[in-house]
Amino acid sequence: MTTMTEESVREFKMPDVGEGLTEAEILKWYVKPGDTVTDGQVVCEVETAKAAVELPIPYDGVVQSLHFAEGTTVDVGTPIIAVALAGAAAPQAPAEQPAAQPAQSAQPAPAKEEPKPEGRQPVLVGYGVATSSTRRRPRKGPEVSVPAPAQAIQTELNGHGVAAGKPRPLAKPPVRKLAKDLGVDLAAVIPSGPDGIITREDVHAAATPQAAEPAAPAPAAPVAPAPAASYDTARETRVPVKGVRKATAQAMVGSAFTAPHVTEFVTVDVTRTMKLVEELKQDKEMQGLRVNPLLLIAKALLVAIRRNPGINASWDEAAQEIVLKHYVNLGIAAATPRGLIVPNIKDAHAKTLPELAEALADLVSTAREGKTSPSAMQGGTVTITNVGVFGVDTGTPILNPGESAILAVGAIKLQPWVHKGKVKPRQVTTLALSFDHRLVDGELGSKVLADVAAILEQPKRLITWA
């Protein structure tokens, strides 16, 4: 009887499909055990904190097992599917045991497999799992006891070395930051993750030890809450916070309590801009393109940024520097079935009006279809949020993390307005500009908002100021 060898079975790990993401939810499997897969074939769809992404397998073979069911949230770097490589013996019922043994038995196994996936990483979405993640865990045990100074220094740099004779707790950077924010000593936290890794849940549990203790003598408690549970189910629905909603919540809280926000407002007559929109719809250069007020508002903001480049910057807390951007990646807040996302138009400052219209239409349609890639939501510099589509006059928008300004556009309505000395019905809207007061003074923020308003009131300034 032919048996499976360690080399004939490959474990495909959850890759980092976006920059710095730590987990993803498996939305759907496209294969099942026994299916034949080929290099580059999509095997599942996952939802990260930024978008839904399809994952291709980087080798040929036969699916041996799926490690997680649909709807499960999996940490980056965790094996999610086992594949028997093409040319190896077909997987049999007893073969699953030997496949699991090498993973548990020895640490050299990951070292053998490392060079192979490294060459395959380019076919994955994003840049895949960092190779250091597979090296750190096996070396954790031995390097604590090895007295060699060079080794100790290197492992300490990797985050798994020895400090003052005690092993450093294993935790991912976001978890370490969470522990720091909550004032939790990772050395005192009991890990529950694979290979002794401390998870977010472990940190939260350690942050509320007193709340956990009273819960111990409550085995009988489930009996009492039973009626309340059925009552609440009828009147309330609890939705797990994950994916895009979780990322949005974390980003907004982080932004609101990190950057000191200032919001300024201006009400402006946009009647001439609305007339220009109608004229552009008839222009041959704009045929086949979607022309709407948002297009001209975006162009107006780009011109205002060109006149006031200091608004297009970010605050680097670690380096204590202000980073001035010589390009504009214009973010457009989009409501999708999965929640709010902010994809951006790369190098929007360099685009002509037709090019900007095309990019804006592609961005919106892709977002509505739920196909926005993680890369499309990275690197934004300034954002526009159009709350006017919901009939709202305006709002106080929260900055997208890493940006210094966001412009909110209210509903455009017919209102009585003094025009040329007479009260007439005019199309009016209210703009709100929030900015980071650490690097944007009131004068600069006011100039940017005033410029946008002036352009929308007299759109010919798109020519004279550009």
Protein backbone atom coordinates (compact mmCIF):
# COMPACT_ATOMS: atom_id res chain seq x y z
CA MET A 1 0.00 0.00 0.00
CA THR A 2 1.33 3.43 -0.95
CA THR A 3 1.43 5.92 1.90
CA MET A 4 1.53 9.73 2.00
CA THR A 5 4.87 11.29 2.78
CA GLU A 6 5.46 14.63 4.43
CA GLU A 7 6.72 16.07 1.15
CA SER A 8 3.61 14.92 -0.81
CA VAL A 9 1.12 16.92 1.29
CA ARG A 10 1.22 20.70 1.31
CA GLU A 11 -0.60 22.96 3.77
CA PHE A 12 -1.84 26.18 2.18
CA LYS A 13 -1.81 28.94 4.79
CA MET A 14 -4.06 31.96 5.07
CA PRO A 15 -2.06 34.74 3.35
CA ASP A 16 -1.99 38.40 4.30
CA VAL A 17 -4.16 39.62 1.42
CA GLY A 18 -3.85 43.22 2.55
CA GLU A 19 -1.11 45.27 4.12
CA GLY A 20 -0.81 44.45 7.82
CA LEU A 21 -4.02 42.40 8.16
CA THR A 22 -3.98 39.72 10.85
CA GLU A 23 -7.09 37.65 10.12
CA ALA A 24 -9.74 36.87 7.51
CA GLU A 25 -13.13 35.15 7.47
CA ILE A 26 -13.72 32.24 5.09
CA LEU A 27 -16.87 33.20 3.20
CA LYS A 28 -17.10 30.32 0.74
CA TRP A 29 -15.22 27.20 -0.32
CA TYR A 30 -15.13 26.44 -4.03
CA VAL A 31 -13.57 22.99 -3.57
CA LYS A 32 -14.10 19.93 -1.36
CA PRO A 33 -11.92 16.98 -0.30
CA GLY A 34 -11.12 14.81 -3.29
CA ASP A 35 -11.30 17.63 -5.86
CA THR A 36 -8.36 18.13 -8.20
CA VAL A 37 -6.88 21.64 -8.16
CA THR A 38 -4.37 23.34 -10.45
CA ASP A 39 -1.83 26.08 -9.91
CA GLY A 40 -3.68 29.42 -9.77
CA GLN A 41 -7.16 27.94 -9.29
CA VAL A 42 -9.39 29.85 -6.87
CA VAL A 43 -10.23 27.60 -3.93
CA CYS A 44 -12.08 29.96 -1.59
CA GLU A 45 -13.32 33.48 -0.99
CA VAL A 46 -12.35 35.28 2.20
CA GLU A 47 -13.38 38.58 3.73
CA THR A 48 -10.71 40.66 5.36
CA ALA A 49 -11.10 43.85 7.30
CA LYS A 50 -10.96 45.66 3.96
CA ALA A 51 -12.58 43.60 1.21
CA ALA A 52 -13.72 40.22 -0.07
CA VAL A 53 -10.90 38.46 -1.90
CA GLU A 54 -10.63 35.18 -3.81
CA LEU A 55 -7.61 33.02 -2.94
CA PRO A 56 -5.84 30.91 -5.61
CA ILE A 57 -3.92 27.76 -4.70
CA PRO A 58 -0.22 27.92 -5.68
CA TYR A 59 0.27 24.29 -6.75
CA ASP A 60 -1.31 21.28 -8.49
CA GLY A 61 -2.80 18.37 -6.56
CA VAL A 62 -5.82 16.83 -4.90
CA VAL A 63 -7.62 18.41 -1.95
CA GLN A 64 -7.05 16.25 1.11
CA SER A 65 -8.95 18.25 3.71
CA LEU A 66 -10.47 21.64 4.51
CA HIS A 67 -9.36 22.73 7.98
CA PHE A 68 -12.09 25.33 8.61
CA ALA A 69 -15.77 25.66 7.81
CA GLU A 70 -17.35 28.62 6.03
CA GLY A 71 -17.93 31.55 8.37
CA THR A 72 -14.81 30.85 10.43
CA THR A 73 -12.35 33.68 11.14
CA VAL A 74 -8.77 32.46 10.71
CA ASP A 75 -5.50 34.12 11.69
CA VAL A 76 -3.02 34.94 8.92
CA GLY A 77 -0.41 32.18 8.65
CA THR A 78 -2.76 29.40 9.78
CA PRO A 79 -3.12 26.38 7.39
CA ILE A 80 -6.61 26.31 5.91
CA ILE A 81 -6.42 23.51 3.33
CA ALA A 82 -4.27 20.40 2.79
CA VAL A 83 -3.40 19.36 -0.78
CA ALA A 84 -1.76 16.14 -1.90
CA LEU A 85 0.66 17.23 -4.62
CA ALA A 86 0.22 16.00 -8.16
CA GLY A 87 2.09 12.75 -8.73
CA ALA A 88 1.80 11.69 -5.07
CA ALA A 89 -0.35 8.84 -3.88
CA ALA A 90 -4.07 9.58 -3.73
CA PRO A 91 -5.25 10.48 -0.24
CA GLN A 92 -6.82 7.59 1.65
CA ALA A 93 -8.83 7.50 4.85
CA PRO A 94 -5.92 6.54 7.12
CA ALA A 95 -3.64 9.02 5.39
CA GLU A 96 -5.04 11.95 7.36
CA GLN A 97 -3.28 10.81 10.53
CA PRO A 98 0.25 10.81 9.04
CA ALA A 99 -0.47 14.24 7.53
CA ALA A 100 -1.17 15.63 10.95
CA GLN A 101 1.76 13.95 12.70
CA PRO A 102 4.61 15.80 10.97
CA ALA A 103 2.97 19.11 11.82
CA GLN A 104 2.95 18.21 15.49
CA SER A 105 6.06 16.11 15.81
CA ALA A 106 9.10 18.02 14.80
CA GLN A 107 10.15 21.56 14.19
CA PRO A 108 12.37 20.77 11.20
CA ALA A 109 9.24 20.18 9.07
CA PRO A 110 8.46 23.87 8.54
CA ALA A 111 12.11 24.49 7.72
CA LYS A 112 11.89 21.94 4.90
CA GLU A 113 8.79 23.49 3.42
CA GLU A 114 9.89 27.12 3.59
CA PRO A 115 11.80 27.42 0.32
CA LYS A 116 8.92 25.97 -1.71
CA PRO A 117 6.09 28.37 -0.89
CA GLU A 118 8.50 31.29 -1.07
CA GLY A 119 8.84 30.87 -4.81
CA ARG A 120 5.09 30.63 -5.15
CA GLN A 121 4.13 33.74 -3.26
CA PRO A 122 3.74 36.00 -6.33
CA VAL A 123 0.62 34.10 -7.43
CA LEU A 124 -1.17 34.87 -4.19
CA VAL A 125 -3.36 37.90 -3.67
CA GLY A 126 -1.26 40.54 -1.90
CA TYR A 127 2.21 39.54 -0.80
CA GLY A 128 1.32 36.38 1.07
CA VAL A 129 2.39 35.20 4.49
CA ALA A 130 5.69 36.60 5.64
CA THR A 131 8.33 33.87 5.64
CA SER A 132 9.46 34.94 9.09
CA SER A 133 6.16 33.73 10.54
CA THR A 134 7.04 30.12 9.77
CA ARG A 135 10.54 30.44 11.11
CA ARG A 136 9.79 32.07 14.40
CA ARG A 137 7.58 29.44 15.96
CA PRO A 138 9.91 26.41 15.59
CA ARG A 139 12.89 28.37 16.96
CA LYS A 140 11.03 29.65 19.98
CA GLY A 141 11.87 26.70 22.27
CA PRO A 142 15.51 25.93 21.40
CA GLU A 143 16.72 29.52 21.33
CA VAL A 144 15.68 30.19 24.90
CA SER A 145 18.27 27.67 26.09
CA VAL A 146 21.02 28.44 23.58
CA PRO A 147 23.60 30.68 25.24
CA ALA A 148 25.15 31.95 21.99
CA PRO A 149 25.00 35.78 22.11
CA ALA A 150 24.56 36.15 18.36
CA GLN A 151 21.58 33.83 18.31
CA ALA A 152 20.02 35.50 21.33
CA ILE A 153 20.32 38.93 19.73
CA GLN A 154 18.83 37.76 16.44
CA THR A 155 15.88 36.02 18.06
CA GLU A 156 15.22 39.06 20.21
CA LEU A 157 15.07 41.16 17.05
CA ASN A 158 12.57 38.68 15.61
CA GLY A 159 10.36 39.13 18.65
CA HIS A 160 10.95 35.69 20.11
CA GLY A 161 14.19 36.02 21.95
CA VAL A 162 15.24 36.14 25.56
CA ALA A 163 14.96 39.23 27.69
CA ALA A 164 16.51 39.27 31.17
CA GLY A 165 16.62 35.48 31.21
CA LYS A 166 12.87 35.13 30.52
CA PRO A 167 11.25 34.15 27.21
CA ARG A 168 9.49 37.01 25.46
CA PRO A 169 5.73 36.36 25.06
CA LEU A 170 4.64 35.52 21.52
CA ALA A 171 2.15 38.01 20.11
CA LYS A 172 1.52 39.79 16.82
CA PRO A 173 2.22 43.54 16.59
CA PRO A 174 -1.48 44.56 16.71
CA VAL A 175 -1.93 42.42 19.83
CA ARG A 176 1.15 43.97 21.45
CA LYS A 177 -0.25 47.44 20.74
CA LEU A 178 -3.61 46.44 22.20
CA ALA A 179 -1.88 45.17 25.34
CA LYS A 180 0.07 48.42 25.62
CA ASP A 181 -3.09 50.51 25.22
CA LEU A 182 -4.91 48.48 27.89
CA GLY A 183 -1.92 48.41 30.23
CA VAL A 184 -1.64 44.61 30.14
CA ASP A 185 1.70 42.89 30.80
CA LEU A 186 2.00 40.21 28.10
CA ALA A 187 4.28 38.17 30.36
CA ALA A 188 1.33 37.63 32.70
CA VAL A 189 -1.12 36.64 29.95
CA ILE A 190 -2.00 32.97 29.42
CA PRO A 191 -1.85 32.28 25.64
CA SER A 192 -4.61 30.33 23.92
CA GLY A 193 -3.42 30.60 20.32
CA PRO A 194 -1.47 27.97 18.37
CA ASP A 195 2.17 27.51 19.41
CA GLY A 196 1.63 29.61 22.51
CA ILE A 197 0.70 32.83 20.67
CA ILE A 198 -1.27 35.42 22.64
CA THR A 199 -4.49 36.50 20.93
CA ARG A 200 -6.64 39.62 21.26
CA GLU A 201 -9.12 37.62 23.34
CA ASP A 202 -6.34 36.66 25.76
CA VAL A 203 -5.42 40.33 26.21
CA HIS A 204 -9.03 41.38 26.77
CA ALA A 205 -9.47 38.56 29.26
CA ALA A 206 -6.35 39.66 31.14
CA ALA A 207 -7.54 43.27 31.12
CA THR A 208 -10.73 42.32 33.00
CA PRO A 209 -9.64 39.67 35.51
CA GLN A 210 -12.13 40.79 38.13
CA ALA A 211 -15.01 40.40 35.73
CA ALA A 212 -13.87 36.90 34.85
CA GLU A 213 -13.72 35.67 38.47
CA PRO A 214 -17.36 36.30 39.41
CA ALA A 215 -18.33 34.39 36.28
CA ALA A 216 -16.75 31.22 37.72
CA PRO A 217 -19.42 30.44 40.31
CA ALA A 218 -22.16 30.92 37.72
CA PRO A 219 -22.70 27.42 36.32
CA ALA A 220 -26.29 27.69 37.49
CA ALA A 221 -26.68 31.12 35.88
CA PRO A 222 -27.63 29.75 32.43
CA VAL A 223 -30.89 28.46 33.94
CA ALA A 224 -32.04 31.93 35.06
CA PRO A 225 -31.23 33.84 31.85
CA ALA A 226 -33.06 31.28 29.70
CA PRO A 227 -36.35 33.23 29.64
CA ALA A 228 -34.51 36.49 29.05
CA ALA A 229 -32.66 34.97 26.09
CA SER A 230 -35.85 33.98 24.31
CA TYR A 231 -37.35 37.37 25.07
CA ASP A 232 -34.32 39.24 23.76
CA THR A 233 -34.19 37.09 20.64
CA ALA A 234 -37.69 38.16 19.77
CA ARG A 235 -37.00 41.84 20.30
CA GLU A 236 -33.31 42.17 19.49
CA THR A 237 -30.81 40.88 16.98
CA ARG A 238 -27.11 40.68 17.77
CA VAL A 239 -24.75 40.89 14.80
CA PRO A 240 -21.11 39.81 15.28
CA VAL A 241 -18.68 42.66 14.68
CA LYS A 242 -16.20 41.47 12.08
CA GLY A 243 -14.82 42.12 8.62
CA VAL A 244 -15.32 45.60 7.18
CA ARG A 245 -17.52 46.76 10.08
CA LYS A 246 -14.87 45.77 12.63
CA ALA A 247 -12.12 47.51 10.68
CA THR A 248 -14.23 50.64 10.23
CA ALA A 249 -15.03 50.80 13.94
CA GLN A 250 -11.38 50.41 14.94
CA ALA A 251 -10.23 52.98 12.38
CA MET A 252 -12.83 55.56 13.37
CA VAL A 253 -12.16 55.19 17.10
CA GLY A 254 -8.43 55.39 16.48
CA SER A 255 -8.80 58.46 14.29
CA ALA A 256 -11.26 60.29 16.54
CA PHE A 257 -9.10 59.88 19.63
CA THR A 258 -5.71 60.36 17.95
CA ALA A 259 -6.11 63.31 15.58
CA PRO A 260 -7.62 66.51 17.04
CA HIS A 261 -10.47 67.19 14.65
CA VAL A 262 -11.63 70.62 13.58
CA THR A 263 -14.67 70.97 11.29
CA GLU A 264 -15.61 74.10 9.36
CA PHE A 265 -18.75 74.72 7.32
CA VAL A 266 -19.75 76.86 4.39
CA THR A 267 -23.03 77.18 2.49
CA VAL A 268 -22.63 77.94 -1.19
CA ASP A 269 -24.73 78.66 -4.28
CA VAL A 270 -23.89 75.88 -6.78
CA THR A 271 -26.42 76.86 -9.46
CA ARG A 272 -23.71 77.53 -12.06
CA THR A 273 -22.02 74.23 -11.27
CA MET A 274 -25.30 72.36 -11.82
CA LYS A 275 -25.70 74.11 -15.17
CA LEU A 276 -22.16 73.08 -16.11
CA VAL A 277 -22.98 69.48 -15.22
CA GLU A 278 -25.87 69.51 -17.70
CA GLU A 279 -23.67 71.09 -20.38
CA LEU A 280 -20.90 68.52 -19.89
CA LYS A 281 -23.41 65.69 -20.34
CA GLN A 282 -23.87 66.94 -23.91
CA ASP A 283 -20.14 67.37 -24.57
CA LYS A 284 -18.62 64.93 -27.07
CA GLU A 285 -15.51 64.50 -24.91
CA MET A 286 -17.68 63.24 -22.06
CA GLN A 287 -19.89 60.87 -24.05
CA GLY A 288 -20.28 57.50 -22.38
CA LEU A 289 -19.01 58.89 -19.07
CA ARG A 290 -21.01 59.56 -15.94
CA VAL A 291 -21.15 63.29 -15.25
CA ASN A 292 -22.58 64.39 -11.90
CA PRO A 293 -21.99 67.08 -9.27
CA LEU A 294 -19.54 64.82 -7.38
CA LEU A 295 -17.21 64.87 -10.39
CA LEU A 296 -16.94 68.68 -10.36
CA ILE A 297 -16.70 68.76 -6.55
CA ALA A 298 -13.79 66.33 -6.75
CA LYS A 299 -12.10 68.50 -9.39
CA ALA A 300 -12.70 71.59 -7.28
CA LEU A 301 -11.04 69.94 -4.27
CA LEU A 302 -8.05 68.91 -6.39
CA VAL A 303 -7.60 72.50 -7.55
CA ALA A 304 -7.91 73.76 -3.97
CA ILE A 305 -5.23 71.28 -2.88
CA ARG A 306 -2.96 72.49 -5.66
CA ARG A 307 -3.37 76.04 -4.38
CA ASN A 308 -2.89 74.93 -0.76
CA PRO A 309 -0.58 71.88 -0.85
CA GLY A 310 -0.05 71.85 2.92
CA ILE A 311 -3.48 70.25 3.38
CA ASN A 312 -2.29 67.14 1.53
CA ALA A 313 -0.11 65.71 4.28
CA SER A 314 0.01 63.23 7.15
CA TRP A 315 1.34 63.09 10.68
CA ASP A 316 4.09 60.56 11.43
CA GLU A 317 3.86 60.07 15.18
CA ALA A 318 6.79 57.64 15.41
CA ALA A 319 9.21 59.89 13.53
CA GLN A 320 7.65 63.13 14.78
CA GLU A 321 7.46 64.44 11.22
CA ILE A 322 4.85 65.94 8.92
CA VAL A 323 4.83 64.07 5.61
CA LEU A 324 3.94 66.35 2.69
CA LYS A 325 2.47 64.40 -0.25
CA HIS A 326 3.31 65.54 -3.78
CA TYR A 327 0.51 63.42 -5.18
CA VAL A 328 -3.20 63.12 -4.43
CA ASN A 329 -4.85 59.74 -3.96
CA LEU A 330 -8.44 60.92 -3.70
CA GLY A 331 -10.59 58.74 -1.43
CA ILE A 332 -14.33 58.40 -2.04
CA ALA A 333 -16.37 57.05 0.87
CA ALA A 334 -18.71 54.34 -0.44
CA ALA A 335 -21.55 52.56 1.33
CA THR A 336 -21.57 48.85 0.43
CA PRO A 337 -23.55 45.81 1.64
CA ARG A 338 -20.51 44.91 3.76
CA GLY A 339 -20.21 48.37 5.28
CA LEU A 340 -18.39 51.65 4.67
CA ILE A 341 -15.19 51.50 2.64
CA VAL A 342 -12.96 54.26 1.28
CA PRO A 343 -11.22 53.26 -1.97
CA ASN A 344 -9.15 55.95 -3.60
CA ILE A 345 -8.29 57.16 -7.10
CA LYS A 346 -4.53 56.94 -7.48
CA ASP A 347 -2.79 60.10 -8.72
CA ALA A 348 -6.11 61.91 -9.12
CA HIS A 349 -4.25 65.22 -9.36
CA ALA A 350 -2.77 64.21 -12.73
CA LYS A 351 -6.06 63.18 -14.38
CA THR A 352 -8.06 65.16 -16.90
CA LEU A 353 -11.79 65.62 -16.28
CA PRO A 354 -12.76 62.67 -18.57
CA GLU A 355 -10.11 60.48 -16.91
CA LEU A 356 -11.35 61.48 -13.47
CA ALA A 357 -14.95 60.70 -14.48
CA GLU A 358 -13.94 57.26 -15.72
CA ALA A 359 -11.93 56.48 -12.57
CA LEU A 360 -14.77 57.67 -10.34
CA ALA A 361 -17.32 55.50 -12.15
CA ASP A 362 -15.06 52.42 -11.94
CA LEU A 363 -14.42 53.02 -8.25
CA VAL A 364 -18.12 53.29 -7.39
CA SER A 365 -19.25 50.29 -9.46
CA THR A 366 -16.48 48.07 -8.12
CA ALA A 367 -17.33 49.05 -4.55
CA ARG A 368 -21.03 48.29 -5.02
CA GLU A 369 -20.19 44.86 -6.40
CA GLY A 370 -18.03 44.17 -3.36
CA LYS A 371 -14.94 43.61 -5.51
CA THR A 372 -12.78 46.46 -4.26
CA SER A 373 -9.22 45.19 -3.76
CA PRO A 374 -7.25 45.92 -0.57
CA SER A 375 -4.69 47.89 -2.58
CA ALA A 376 -7.43 50.25 -3.79
CA MET A 377 -8.09 51.23 -0.17
CA GLN A 378 -4.48 51.91 0.76
CA GLY A 379 -2.45 55.07 0.39
CA GLY A 380 -5.27 57.64 0.37
CA THR A 381 -4.33 61.26 1.10
CA VAL A 382 -7.65 63.19 1.13
CA THR A 383 -11.25 61.95 1.13
CA ILE A 384 -14.70 63.10 -0.02
CA THR A 385 -17.88 61.76 1.59
CA ASN A 386 -21.13 62.58 -0.18
CA VAL A 387 -23.80 62.50 2.52
CA GLY A 388 -26.08 64.56 0.30
CA VAL A 389 -27.24 61.43 -1.52
CA PHE A 390 -29.16 60.55 1.65
CA GLY A 391 -30.86 63.95 1.78
CA VAL A 392 -28.64 65.17 4.61
CA ASP A 393 -27.58 68.81 4.71
CA THR A 394 -24.10 68.11 6.05
CA GLY A 395 -22.16 66.40 8.85
CA THR A 396 -18.93 66.39 10.82
CA PRO A 397 -16.91 63.68 9.08
CA ILE A 398 -14.17 61.73 10.87
CA LEU A 399 -10.78 61.61 9.18
CA ASN A 400 -9.73 58.48 7.38
CA PRO A 401 -6.65 57.21 9.31
CA GLY A 402 -3.41 58.52 7.85
CA GLU A 403 -5.07 61.51 6.17
CA SER A 404 -5.32 65.13 7.22
CA ALA A 405 -8.60 66.26 5.63
CA ILE A 406 -12.02 65.00 4.59
CA LEU A 407 -14.71 66.97 2.75
CA ALA A 408 -18.40 66.25 3.39
CA VAL A 409 -20.88 67.32 0.69
CA GLY A 410 -24.51 67.92 1.67
CA ALA A 411 -27.69 67.68 -0.34
CA ILE A 412 -28.16 70.21 -3.15
CA LYS A 413 -31.55 71.91 -2.72
CA LEU A 414 -33.51 74.84 -4.13
CA GLN A 415 -33.44 77.57 -1.51
CA PRO A 416 -34.16 81.32 -1.41
CA TRP A 417 -30.84 83.07 -1.99
CA VAL A 418 -29.82 86.66 -2.51
CA HIS A 419 -28.49 86.79 -6.07
CA LYS A 420 -27.56 90.09 -7.72
CA GLY A 421 -29.44 92.01 -5.05
CA LYS A 422 -32.66 90.01 -5.32
CA VAL A 423 -33.98 86.97 -3.49
CA LYS A 424 -34.25 84.14 -5.97
CA PRO A 425 -34.55 80.34 -5.81
CA ARG A 426 -31.02 78.97 -6.21
CA GLN A 427 -29.44 75.53 -5.89
CA VAL A 428 -27.55 75.55 -2.62
CA THR A 429 -25.46 73.07 -0.67
CA THR A 430 -23.43 73.01 2.54
CA LEU A 431 -19.83 71.79 2.64
CA ALA A 432 -18.00 70.63 5.76
CA LEU A 433 -14.25 70.17 5.97
CA SER A 434 -12.71 68.25 8.87
CA PHE A 435 -8.94 68.44 9.27
CA ASP A 436 -6.19 67.31 11.61
CA HIS A 437 -5.33 70.34 13.74
CA ARG A 438 -1.89 68.93 14.54
CA LEU A 439 -0.65 69.83 11.07
CA VAL A 440 -3.42 71.96 9.57
CA ASP A 441 -3.97 75.37 11.09
CA GLY A 442 -7.31 77.15 10.96
CA GLU A 443 -6.05 79.49 8.25
CA LEU A 444 -5.01 76.68 5.93
CA GLY A 445 -8.20 74.68 6.49
CA SER A 446 -10.31 77.78 5.91
CA LYS A 447 -8.50 78.62 2.67
CA VAL A 448 -9.06 75.13 1.28
CA LEU A 449 -12.77 75.15 2.11
CA ALA A 450 -13.19 78.69 0.77
CA ASP A 451 -11.46 77.75 -2.49
CA VAL A 452 -13.71 74.72 -3.01
CA ALA A 453 -16.77 76.88 -2.37
CA ALA A 454 -15.54 79.62 -4.70
CA ILE A 455 -14.99 77.14 -7.54
CA LEU A 456 -18.43 75.61 -7.13
CA GLU A 457 -19.99 79.08 -7.12
CA GLN A 458 -18.00 80.16 -10.19
CA PRO A 459 -16.86 76.95 -11.98
CA LYS A 460 -14.88 79.01 -14.51
CA ARG A 461 -12.24 79.14 -11.78
CA LEU A 462 -11.48 75.53 -12.67
CA ILE A 463 -9.76 77.09 -15.68
CA THR A 464 -8.36 80.30 -14.26
CA TRP A 465 -6.99 78.71 -11.06
CA ALA A 466 -5.82 75.43 -12.59
